[in-house]
């Protein structure tokens, strides 16, 4: 699966990129129909410590799944976004199974 990582106005370090690839790879193992994923990392201009935003778009056959989470660290944001996508994938797989 292809993972496209975009970091807006900063350069993501190798540890973060490896972490994202690992998490996205786990999503791919949950469902065979995953084509690719697009991860966008942003820093919000606020005074609060929860200014890191991670957006993940998962391209699957016939649909796209999307999660956007904001947290203190990019790792936390990626974790919560992948958890949300796992739930979305489970619902999508259930819907597909019910159609058959």
PDB file of N, CA and C in Angstrom:
ATOM      1  N   UNK A   1       0.846  -1.179   0.000  1.00  0.00           N
ATOM      2  CA  UNK A   1       0.000   0.000   0.000  1.00  0.00           C
ATOM      3  C   UNK A   1       0.885   1.234   0.000  1.00  0.00           C
ATOM      4  N   UNK A   2       0.463   2.216  -0.740  1.00  0.00           N
ATOM      5  CA  UNK A   2       1.200   3.471  -0.818  1.00  0.00           C
ATOM      6  C   UNK A   2       0.705   4.423   0.265  1.00  0.00           C
ATOM      7  N   UNK A   3       1.632   4.984   1.029  1.00  0.00           N
ATOM      8  CA  UNK A   3       1.301   5.961   2.064  1.00  0.00           C
ATOM      9  C   UNK A   3       1.944   7.276   1.665  1.00  0.00           C
ATOM     10  N   UNK A   4       1.117   8.279   1.413  1.00  0.00           N
ATOM     11  CA  UNK A   4       1.601   9.601   1.036  1.00  0.00           C
ATOM     12  C   UNK A   4       1.512  10.495   2.272  1.00  0.00           C
ATOM     13  N   UNK A   5       2.648  11.038   2.719  1.00  0.00           N
ATOM     14  CA  UNK A   5       2.681  11.857   3.927  1.00  0.00           C
ATOM     15  C   UNK A   5       2.990  13.298   3.546  1.00  0.00           C
ATOM     16  N   UNK A   6       2.102  14.208   3.933  1.00  0.00           N
ATOM     17  CA  UNK A   6       2.288  15.644   3.700  1.00  0.00           C
ATOM     18  C   UNK A   6       2.387  16.332   5.050  1.00  0.00           C
ATOM     19  N   UNK A   7       3.465  17.058   5.266  1.00  0.00           N
ATOM     20  CA  UNK A   7       3.573  17.864   6.482  1.00  0.00           C
ATOM     21  C   UNK A   7       3.566  19.331   6.056  1.00  0.00           C
ATOM     22  N   UNK A   8       2.614  20.078   6.586  1.00  0.00           N
ATOM     23  CA  UNK A   8       2.393  21.455   6.174  1.00  0.00           C
ATOM     24  C   UNK A   8       3.268  22.390   7.010  1.00  0.00           C
ATOM     25  N   UNK A   9       4.147  23.128   6.358  1.00  0.00           N
ATOM     26  CA  UNK A   9       5.032  24.140   6.949  1.00  0.00           C
ATOM     27  C   UNK A   9       6.068  23.582   7.914  1.00  0.00           C
ATOM     28  N   UNK A  10       6.396  22.302   7.824  1.00  0.00           N
ATOM     29  CA  UNK A  10       7.503  21.744   8.596  1.00  0.00           C
ATOM     30  C   UNK A  10       7.918  20.425   7.955  1.00  0.00           C
ATOM     31  N   UNK A  11       9.063  19.924   8.362  1.00  0.00           N
ATOM     32  CA  UNK A  11       9.596  18.662   7.835  1.00  0.00           C
ATOM     33  C   UNK A  11       9.442  17.602   8.917  1.00  0.00           C
ATOM     34  N   UNK A  12       8.736  16.524   8.594  1.00  0.00           N
ATOM     35  CA  UNK A  12       8.535  15.429   9.543  1.00  0.00           C
ATOM     36  C   UNK A  12       9.826  14.620   9.648  1.00  0.00           C
ATOM     37  N   UNK A  13      10.223  14.260  10.877  1.00  0.00           N
ATOM     38  CA  UNK A  13      11.450  13.478  11.051  1.00  0.00           C
ATOM     39  C   UNK A  13      11.201  12.003  10.738  1.00  0.00           C
ATOM     40  N   UNK A  14      12.283  11.244  10.657  1.00  0.00           N
ATOM     41  CA  UNK A  14      12.201   9.834  10.244  1.00  0.00           C
ATOM     42  C   UNK A  14      11.411   8.988  11.233  1.00  0.00           C
ATOM     43  N   UNK A  15      11.523   9.283  12.526  1.00  0.00           N
ATOM     44  CA  UNK A  15      10.783   8.506  13.523  1.00  0.00           C
ATOM     45  C   UNK A  15       9.285   8.640  13.306  1.00  0.00           C
ATOM     46  N   UNK A  16       8.844   9.856  13.049  1.00  0.00           N
ATOM     47  CA  UNK A  16       7.418  10.106  12.828  1.00  0.00           C
ATOM     48  C   UNK A  16       6.948   9.434  11.539  1.00  0.00           C
ATOM     49  N   UNK A  17       7.738   9.519  10.498  1.00  0.00           N
ATOM     50  CA  UNK A  17       7.382   8.887   9.217  1.00  0.00           C
ATOM     51  C   UNK A  17       7.293   7.371   9.384  1.00  0.00           C
ATOM     52  N   UNK A  18       8.247   6.777  10.100  1.00  0.00           N
ATOM     53  CA  UNK A  18       8.220   5.328  10.347  1.00  0.00           C
ATOM     54  C   UNK A  18       6.996   4.940  11.161  1.00  0.00           C
ATOM     55  N   UNK A  19       6.668   5.760  12.169  1.00  0.00           N
ATOM     56  CA  UNK A  19       5.495   5.511  13.006  1.00  0.00           C
ATOM     57  C   UNK A  19       4.222   5.529  12.166  1.00  0.00           C
ATOM     58  N   UNK A  20       4.102   6.514  11.276  1.00  0.00           N
ATOM     59  CA  UNK A  20       2.925   6.637  10.409  1.00  0.00           C
ATOM     60  C   UNK A  20       2.837   5.437   9.467  1.00  0.00           C
ATOM     61  N   UNK A  21       3.963   5.047   8.876  1.00  0.00           N
ATOM     62  CA  UNK A  21       3.962   3.897   7.967  1.00  0.00           C
ATOM     63  C   UNK A  21       3.556   2.622   8.687  1.00  0.00           C
ATOM     64  N   UNK A  22       4.015   2.458   9.937  1.00  0.00           N
ATOM     65  CA  UNK A  22       3.652   1.272  10.722  1.00  0.00           C
ATOM     66  C   UNK A  22       2.147   1.238  11.002  1.00  0.00           C
ATOM     67  N   UNK A  23       1.601   2.377  11.432  1.00  0.00           N
ATOM     68  CA  UNK A  23       0.170   2.447  11.740  1.00  0.00           C
ATOM     69  C   UNK A  23      -0.680   2.247  10.487  1.00  0.00           C
ATOM     70  N   UNK A  24      -0.281   2.853   9.380  1.00  0.00           N
ATOM     71  CA  UNK A  24      -1.033   2.704   8.132  1.00  0.00           C
ATOM     72  C   UNK A  24      -0.951   1.268   7.628  1.00  0.00           C
ATOM     73  N   UNK A  25       0.185   0.624   7.826  1.00  0.00           N
ATOM     74  CA  UNK A  25       0.338  -0.771   7.422  1.00  0.00           C
ATOM     75  C   UNK A  25      -0.607  -1.681   8.181  1.00  0.00           C
ATOM     76  N   UNK A  26      -0.831  -1.389   9.453  1.00  0.00           N
ATOM     77  CA  UNK A  26      -1.764  -2.193  10.249  1.00  0.00           C
ATOM     78  C   UNK A  26      -3.191  -2.046   9.725  1.00  0.00           C
ATOM     79  N   UNK A  27      -3.539  -0.855   9.255  1.00  0.00           N
ATOM     80  CA  UNK A  27      -4.873  -0.651   8.683  1.00  0.00           C
ATOM     81  C   UNK A  27      -5.041  -1.481   7.415  1.00  0.00           C
ATOM     82  N   UNK A  28      -3.967  -1.595   6.648  1.00  0.00           N
ATOM     83  CA  UNK A  28      -4.038  -2.356   5.410  1.00  0.00           C
ATOM     84  C   UNK A  28      -4.305  -3.832   5.689  1.00  0.00           C
ATOM     85  N   UNK A  29      -3.769  -4.353   6.784  1.00  0.00           N
ATOM     86  CA  UNK A  29      -3.970  -5.764   7.113  1.00  0.00           C
ATOM     87  C   UNK A  29      -5.405  -6.058   7.533  1.00  0.00           C
ATOM     88  N   UNK A  30      -6.141  -5.036   7.931  1.00  0.00           N
ATOM     89  CA  UNK A  30      -7.524  -5.240   8.354  1.00  0.00           C
ATOM     90  C   UNK A  30      -8.468  -5.470   7.178  1.00  0.00           C
ATOM     91  N   UNK A  31      -8.120  -4.902   6.023  1.00  0.00           N
ATOM     92  CA  UNK A  31      -9.013  -5.000   4.865  1.00  0.00           C
ATOM     93  C   UNK A  31      -8.179  -5.025   3.587  1.00  0.00           C
ATOM     94  N   UNK A  32      -8.459  -5.974   2.715  1.00  0.00           N
ATOM     95  CA  UNK A  32      -7.681  -6.145   1.485  1.00  0.00           C
ATOM     96  C   UNK A  32      -7.926  -5.041   0.465  1.00  0.00           C
ATOM     97  N   UNK A  33      -9.061  -4.381   0.535  1.00  0.00           N
ATOM     98  CA  UNK A  33      -9.433  -3.405  -0.474  1.00  0.00           C
ATOM     99  C   UNK A  33      -8.792  -2.041  -0.316  1.00  0.00           C
ATOM    100  N   UNK A  34      -7.869  -1.886   0.635  1.00  0.00           N
ATOM    101  CA  UNK A  34      -7.217  -0.591   0.823  1.00  0.00           C
ATOM    102  C   UNK A  34      -6.233  -0.371  -0.324  1.00  0.00           C
ATOM    103  N   UNK A  35      -6.415   0.742  -1.037  1.00  0.00           N
ATOM    104  CA  UNK A  35      -5.571   1.048  -2.187  1.00  0.00           C
ATOM    105  C   UNK A  35      -4.374   1.891  -1.751  1.00  0.00           C
ATOM    106  N   UNK A  36      -4.644   2.984  -1.056  1.00  0.00           N
ATOM    107  CA  UNK A  36      -3.572   3.857  -0.574  1.00  0.00           C
ATOM    108  C   UNK A  36      -4.103   4.720   0.556  1.00  0.00           C
ATOM    109  N   UNK A  37      -3.197   5.456   1.164  1.00  0.00           N
ATOM    110  CA  UNK A  37      -3.623   6.378   2.214  1.00  0.00           C
ATOM    111  C   UNK A  37      -2.848   7.679   2.091  1.00  0.00           C
ATOM    112  N   UNK A  38      -3.485   8.730   2.526  1.00  0.00           N
ATOM    113  CA  UNK A  38      -2.881  10.050   2.481  1.00  0.00           C
ATOM    114  C   UNK A  38      -2.937  10.643   3.883  1.00  0.00           C
ATOM    115  N   UNK A  39      -1.774  10.984   4.423  1.00  0.00           N
ATOM    116  CA  UNK A  39      -1.684  11.521   5.775  1.00  0.00           C
ATOM    117  C   UNK A  39      -1.222  12.967   5.677  1.00  0.00           C
ATOM    118  N   UNK A  40      -1.953  13.871   6.327  1.00  0.00           N
ATOM    119  CA  UNK A  40      -1.581  15.278   6.357  1.00  0.00           C
ATOM    120  C   UNK A  40      -1.355  15.682   7.809  1.00  0.00           C
ATOM    121  N   UNK A  41      -0.194  16.273   8.074  1.00  0.00           N
ATOM    122  CA  UNK A  41       0.152  16.733   9.412  1.00  0.00           C
ATOM    123  C   UNK A  41       0.205  18.251   9.394  1.00  0.00           C
ATOM    124  N   UNK A  42      -0.457  18.872  10.373  1.00  0.00           N
ATOM    125  CA  UNK A  42      -0.511  20.335  10.430  1.00  0.00           C
ATOM    126  C   UNK A  42      -0.244  20.804  11.852  1.00  0.00           C
ATOM    127  N   UNK A  43       0.309  21.988  11.964  1.00  0.00           N
ATOM    128  CA  UNK A  43       0.443  22.669  13.244  1.00  0.00           C
ATOM    129  C   UNK A  43      -0.541  23.827  13.251  1.00  0.00           C
ATOM    130  N   UNK A  44      -1.418  23.856  14.237  1.00  0.00           N
ATOM    131  CA  UNK A  44      -2.393  24.928  14.320  1.00  0.00           C
ATOM    132  C   UNK A  44      -1.796  26.084  15.122  1.00  0.00           C
ATOM    133  N   UNK A  45      -2.081  27.284  14.720  1.00  0.00           N
ATOM    134  CA  UNK A  45      -1.550  28.472  15.382  1.00  0.00           C
ATOM    135  C   UNK A  45      -2.420  28.870  16.566  1.00  0.00           C
ATOM    136  N   UNK A  46      -2.326  28.132  17.655  1.00  0.00           N
ATOM    137  CA  UNK A  46      -3.082  28.459  18.858  1.00  0.00           C
ATOM    138  C   UNK A  46      -2.162  28.417  20.061  1.00  0.00           C
ATOM    139  N   UNK A  47      -2.633  28.941  21.171  1.00  0.00           N
ATOM    140  CA  UNK A  47      -1.863  28.959  22.407  1.00  0.00           C
ATOM    141  C   UNK A  47      -1.966  27.640  23.158  1.00  0.00           C
ATOM    142  N   UNK A  48      -2.959  26.820  22.846  1.00  0.00           N
ATOM    143  CA  UNK A  48      -3.153  25.566  23.568  1.00  0.00           C
ATOM    144  C   UNK A  48      -2.088  24.548  23.171  1.00  0.00           C
ATOM    145  N   UNK A  49      -1.735  23.642  24.087  1.00  0.00           N
ATOM    146  CA  UNK A  49      -0.735  22.623  23.742  1.00  0.00           C
ATOM    147  C   UNK A  49      -1.253  21.595  22.743  1.00  0.00           C
ATOM    148  N   UNK A  50      -2.558  21.468  22.616  1.00  0.00           N
ATOM    149  CA  UNK A  50      -3.139  20.514  21.659  1.00  0.00           C
ATOM    150  C   UNK A  50      -3.267  21.173  20.290  1.00  0.00           C
ATOM    151  N   UNK A  51      -2.113  21.427  19.657  1.00  0.00           N
ATOM    152  CA  UNK A  51      -2.125  22.131  18.377  1.00  0.00           C
ATOM    153  C   UNK A  51      -1.629  21.288  17.218  1.00  0.00           C
ATOM    154  N   UNK A  52      -1.450  19.974  17.430  1.00  0.00           N
ATOM    155  CA  UNK A  52      -1.002  19.084  16.361  1.00  0.00           C
ATOM    156  C   UNK A  52      -2.213  18.381  15.752  1.00  0.00           C
ATOM    157  N   UNK A  53      -2.346  18.472  14.433  1.00  0.00           N
ATOM    158  CA  UNK A  53      -3.492  17.893  13.740  1.00  0.00           C
ATOM    159  C   UNK A  53      -3.000  16.829  12.756  1.00  0.00           C
ATOM    160  N   UNK A  54      -3.645  15.677  12.804  1.00  0.00           N
ATOM    161  CA  UNK A  54      -3.351  14.604  11.852  1.00  0.00           C
ATOM    162  C   UNK A  54      -4.637  14.260  11.115  1.00  0.00           C
ATOM    163  N   UNK A  55      -4.574  14.260   9.797  1.00  0.00           N
ATOM    164  CA  UNK A  55      -5.704  13.882   8.955  1.00  0.00           C
ATOM    165  C   UNK A  55      -5.282  12.684   8.123  1.00  0.00           C
ATOM    166  N   UNK A  56      -6.110  11.646   8.131  1.00  0.00           N
ATOM    167  CA  UNK A  56      -5.809  10.446   7.346  1.00  0.00           C
ATOM    168  C   UNK A  56      -6.982  10.146   6.433  1.00  0.00           C
ATOM    169  N   UNK A  57      -6.695  10.032   5.152  1.00  0.00           N
ATOM    170  CA  UNK A  57      -7.702   9.624   4.164  1.00  0.00           C
ATOM    171  C   UNK A  57      -7.275   8.261   3.653  1.00  0.00           C
ATOM    172  N   UNK A  58      -8.163   7.296   3.821  1.00  0.00           N
ATOM    173  CA  UNK A  58      -7.894   5.921   3.412  1.00  0.00           C
ATOM    174  C   UNK A  58      -8.693   5.644   2.150  1.00  0.00           C
ATOM    175  N   UNK A  59      -8.002   5.413   1.033  1.00  0.00           N
ATOM    176  CA  UNK A  59      -8.679   5.133  -0.220  1.00  0.00           C
ATOM    177  C   UNK A  59      -8.935   3.626  -0.309  1.00  0.00           C
ATOM    178  N   UNK A  60     -10.218   3.261  -0.388  1.00  0.00           N
ATOM    179  CA  UNK A  60     -10.581   1.861  -0.543  1.00  0.00           C
ATOM    180  C   UNK A  60     -11.470   1.738  -1.766  1.00  0.00           C
ATOM    181  N   UNK A  61     -11.658   0.519  -2.224  1.00  0.00           N
ATOM    182  CA  UNK A  61     -12.478   0.319  -3.423  1.00  0.00           C
ATOM    183  C   UNK A  61     -13.877   0.853  -3.206  1.00  0.00           C
ATOM    184  N   UNK A  62     -14.280   1.800  -4.043  1.00  0.00           N
ATOM    185  CA  UNK A  62     -15.634   2.304  -4.015  1.00  0.00           C
ATOM    186  C   UNK A  62     -15.896   3.390  -3.000  1.00  0.00           C
ATOM    187  N   UNK A  63     -14.905   3.745  -2.183  1.00  0.00           N
ATOM    188  CA  UNK A  63     -15.173   4.710  -1.113  1.00  0.00           C
ATOM    189  C   UNK A  63     -13.863   5.252  -0.569  1.00  0.00           C
ATOM    190  N   UNK A  64     -13.950   6.323   0.211  1.00  0.00           N
ATOM    191  CA  UNK A  64     -12.816   6.852   0.970  1.00  0.00           C
ATOM    192  C   UNK A  64     -13.254   6.963   2.417  1.00  0.00           C
ATOM    193  N   UNK A  65     -12.352   6.632   3.325  1.00  0.00           N
ATOM    194  CA  UNK A  65     -12.610   6.820   4.753  1.00  0.00           C
ATOM    195  C   UNK A  65     -11.697   7.932   5.232  1.00  0.00           C
ATOM    196  N   UNK A  66     -12.179   8.743   6.181  1.00  0.00           N
ATOM    197  CA  UNK A  66     -11.436   9.924   6.594  1.00  0.00           C
ATOM    198  C   UNK A  66     -11.526  10.103   8.100  1.00  0.00           C
ATOM    199  N   UNK A  67     -10.403  10.472   8.704  1.00  0.00           N
ATOM    200  CA  UNK A  67     -10.385  10.799  10.128  1.00  0.00           C
ATOM    201  C   UNK A  67      -9.455  11.978  10.343  1.00  0.00           C
ATOM    202  N   UNK A  68      -9.884  12.902  11.216  1.00  0.00           N
ATOM    203  CA  UNK A  68      -9.080  14.083  11.559  1.00  0.00           C
ATOM    204  C   UNK A  68      -9.064  14.190  13.072  1.00  0.00           C
ATOM    205  N   UNK A  69      -7.878  14.177  13.655  1.00  0.00           N
ATOM    206  CA  UNK A  69      -7.747  14.251  15.107  1.00  0.00           C
ATOM    207  C   UNK A  69      -6.717  15.300  15.483  1.00  0.00           C
ATOM    208  N   UNK A  70      -6.946  15.917  16.646  1.00  0.00           N
ATOM    209  CA  UNK A  70      -6.064  16.957  17.152  1.00  0.00           C
ATOM    210  C   UNK A  70      -5.597  16.547  18.542  1.00  0.00           C
ATOM    211  N   UNK A  71      -4.294  16.726  18.812  1.00  0.00           N
ATOM    212  CA  UNK A  71      -3.745  16.273  20.085  1.00  0.00           C
ATOM    213  C   UNK A  71      -2.487  17.055  20.443  1.00  0.00           C
ATOM    214  N   UNK A  72      -1.850  16.674  21.567  1.00  0.00           N
ATOM    215  CA  UNK A  72      -0.618  17.333  22.009  1.00  0.00           C
ATOM    216  C   UNK A  72       0.581  16.935  21.162  1.00  0.00           C
ATOM    217  N   UNK A  73       0.581  15.677  20.692  1.00  0.00           N
ATOM    218  CA  UNK A  73       1.683  15.204  19.848  1.00  0.00           C
ATOM    219  C   UNK A  73       1.107  14.593  18.577  1.00  0.00           C
ATOM    220  N   UNK A  74       1.923  14.541  17.545  1.00  0.00           N
ATOM    221  CA  UNK A  74       1.479  13.929  16.296  1.00  0.00           C
ATOM    222  C   UNK A  74       1.232  12.436  16.480  1.00  0.00           C
ATOM    223  N   UNK A  75       2.029  11.798  17.339  1.00  0.00           N
ATOM    224  CA  UNK A  75       1.851  10.369  17.582  1.00  0.00           C
ATOM    225  C   UNK A  75       0.478  10.076  18.178  1.00  0.00           C
ATOM    226  N   UNK A  76       0.069  10.882  19.164  1.00  0.00           N
ATOM    227  CA  UNK A  76      -1.263  10.712  19.769  1.00  0.00           C
ATOM    228  C   UNK A  76      -2.357  10.946  18.737  1.00  0.00           C
ATOM    229  N   UNK A  77      -2.190  11.971  17.921  1.00  0.00           N
ATOM    230  CA  UNK A  77      -3.187  12.288  16.902  1.00  0.00           C
ATOM    231  C   UNK A  77      -3.288  11.160  15.875  1.00  0.00           C
ATOM    232  N   UNK A  78      -2.149  10.620  15.461  1.00  0.00           N
ATOM    233  CA  UNK A  78      -2.143   9.502  14.509  1.00  0.00           C
ATOM    234  C   UNK A  78      -2.806   8.284  15.134  1.00  0.00           C
ATOM    235  N   UNK A  79      -2.479   8.012  16.407  1.00  0.00           N
ATOM    236  CA  UNK A  79      -3.090   6.878  17.113  1.00  0.00           C
ATOM    237  C   UNK A  79      -4.609   6.985  17.125  1.00  0.00           C
ATOM    238  N   UNK A  80      -5.133   8.151  17.527  1.00  0.00           N
ATOM    239  CA  UNK A  80      -6.596   8.281  17.590  1.00  0.00           C
ATOM    240  C   UNK A  80      -7.230   8.252  16.214  1.00  0.00           C
ATOM    241  N   UNK A  81      -6.555   8.802  15.213  1.00  0.00           N
ATOM    242  CA  UNK A  81      -7.107   8.773  13.853  1.00  0.00           C
ATOM    243  C   UNK A  81      -7.144   7.343  13.318  1.00  0.00           C
ATOM    244  N   UNK A  82      -6.096   6.555  13.573  1.00  0.00           N
ATOM    245  CA  UNK A  82      -6.109   5.167  13.097  1.00  0.00           C
ATOM    246  C   UNK A  82      -7.145   4.343  13.850  1.00  0.00           C
ATOM    247  N   UNK A  83      -7.348   4.633  15.139  1.00  0.00           N
ATOM    248  CA  UNK A  83      -8.407   3.939  15.881  1.00  0.00           C
ATOM    249  C   UNK A  83      -9.778   4.239  15.277  1.00  0.00           C
ATOM    250  N   UNK A  84      -9.999   5.504  14.929  1.00  0.00           N
ATOM    251  CA  UNK A  84     -11.269   5.881  14.307  1.00  0.00           C
ATOM    252  C   UNK A  84     -11.435   5.183  12.952  1.00  0.00           C
ATOM    253  N   UNK A  85     -10.353   5.100  12.198  1.00  0.00           N
ATOM    254  CA  UNK A  85     -10.424   4.430  10.895  1.00  0.00           C
ATOM    255  C   UNK A  85     -10.640   2.926  11.037  1.00  0.00           C
ATOM    256  N   UNK A  86     -10.103   2.331  12.096  1.00  0.00           N
ATOM    257  CA  UNK A  86     -10.356   0.902  12.343  1.00  0.00           C
ATOM    258  C   UNK A  86     -11.844   0.660  12.551  1.00  0.00           C
ATOM    259  N   UNK A  87     -12.481   1.532  13.324  1.00  0.00           N
ATOM    260  CA  UNK A  87     -13.929   1.402  13.539  1.00  0.00           C
ATOM    261  C   UNK A  87     -14.686   1.608  12.237  1.00  0.00           C
ATOM    262  N   UNK A  88     -14.276   2.593  11.445  1.00  0.00           N
ATOM    263  CA  UNK A  88     -14.941   2.834  10.160  1.00  0.00           C
ATOM    264  C   UNK A  88     -14.768   1.644   9.221  1.00  0.00           C
ATOM    265  N   UNK A  89     -13.571   1.057   9.214  1.00  0.00           N
ATOM    266  CA  UNK A  89     -13.325  -0.110   8.371  1.00  0.00           C
ATOM    267  C   UNK A  89     -14.178  -1.290   8.808  1.00  0.00           C
ATOM    268  N   UNK A  90     -14.323  -1.479  10.110  1.00  0.00           N
ATOM    269  CA  UNK A  90     -15.149  -2.577  10.620  1.00  0.00           C
ATOM    270  C   UNK A  90     -16.595  -2.398  10.176  1.00  0.00           C
ATOM    271  N   UNK A  91     -17.111  -1.170  10.275  1.00  0.00           N
ATOM    272  CA  UNK A  91     -18.489  -0.897   9.827  1.00  0.00           C
ATOM    273  C   UNK A  91     -18.624  -1.100   8.329  1.00  0.00           C
ATOM    274  N   UNK A  92     -17.620  -0.658   7.568  1.00  0.00           N
ATOM    275  CA  UNK A  92     -17.657  -0.809   6.109  1.00  0.00           C
ATOM    276  C   UNK A  92     -17.648  -2.285   5.726  1.00  0.00           C
ATOM    277  N   UNK A  93     -16.780  -3.065   6.381  1.00  0.00           N
ATOM    278  CA  UNK A  93     -16.721  -4.507   6.092  1.00  0.00           C
ATOM    279  C   UNK A  93     -18.029  -5.181   6.448  1.00  0.00           C
ATOM    280  N   UNK A  94     -18.658  -4.770   7.538  1.00  0.00           N
ATOM    281  CA  UNK A  94     -19.946  -5.328   7.962  1.00  0.00           C
ATOM    282  C   UNK A  94     -21.014  -4.999   6.923  1.00  0.00           C
ATOM    283  N   UNK A  95     -20.997  -3.782   6.415  1.00  0.00           N
ATOM    284  CA  UNK A  95     -21.966  -3.369   5.398  1.00  0.00           C
ATOM    285  C   UNK A  95     -21.801  -4.191   4.123  1.00  0.00           C
ATOM    286  N   UNK A  96     -20.541  -4.391   3.723  1.00  0.00           N
ATOM    287  CA  UNK A  96     -20.244  -5.200   2.536  1.00  0.00           C
ATOM    288  C   UNK A  96     -20.713  -6.638   2.750  1.00  0.00           C
ATOM    289  N   UNK A  97     -20.466  -7.190   3.923  1.00  0.00           N
ATOM    290  CA  UNK A  97     -20.844  -8.567   4.233  1.00  0.00           C
ATOM    291  C   UNK A  97     -22.363  -8.721   4.209  1.00  0.00           C
ATOM    292  N   UNK A  98     -23.093  -7.709   4.692  1.00  0.00           N
ATOM    293  CA  UNK A  98     -24.557  -7.772   4.713  1.00  0.00           C
ATOM    294  C   UNK A  98     -25.147  -7.735   3.323  1.00  0.00           C
ATOM    295  N   UNK A  99     -24.469  -7.098   2.376  1.00  0.00           N
ATOM    296  CA  UNK A  99     -24.986  -7.020   0.994  1.00  0.00           C
ATOM    297  C   UNK A  99     -24.910  -8.362   0.291  1.00  0.00           C
ATOM    298  N   UNK A 100     -23.986  -9.207   0.707  1.00  0.00           N
ATOM    299  CA  UNK A 100     -23.797 -10.495   0.005  1.00  0.00           C
ATOM    300  C   UNK A 100     -24.792 -11.523   0.417  1.00  0.00           C
TER     301      UNK A 100
END
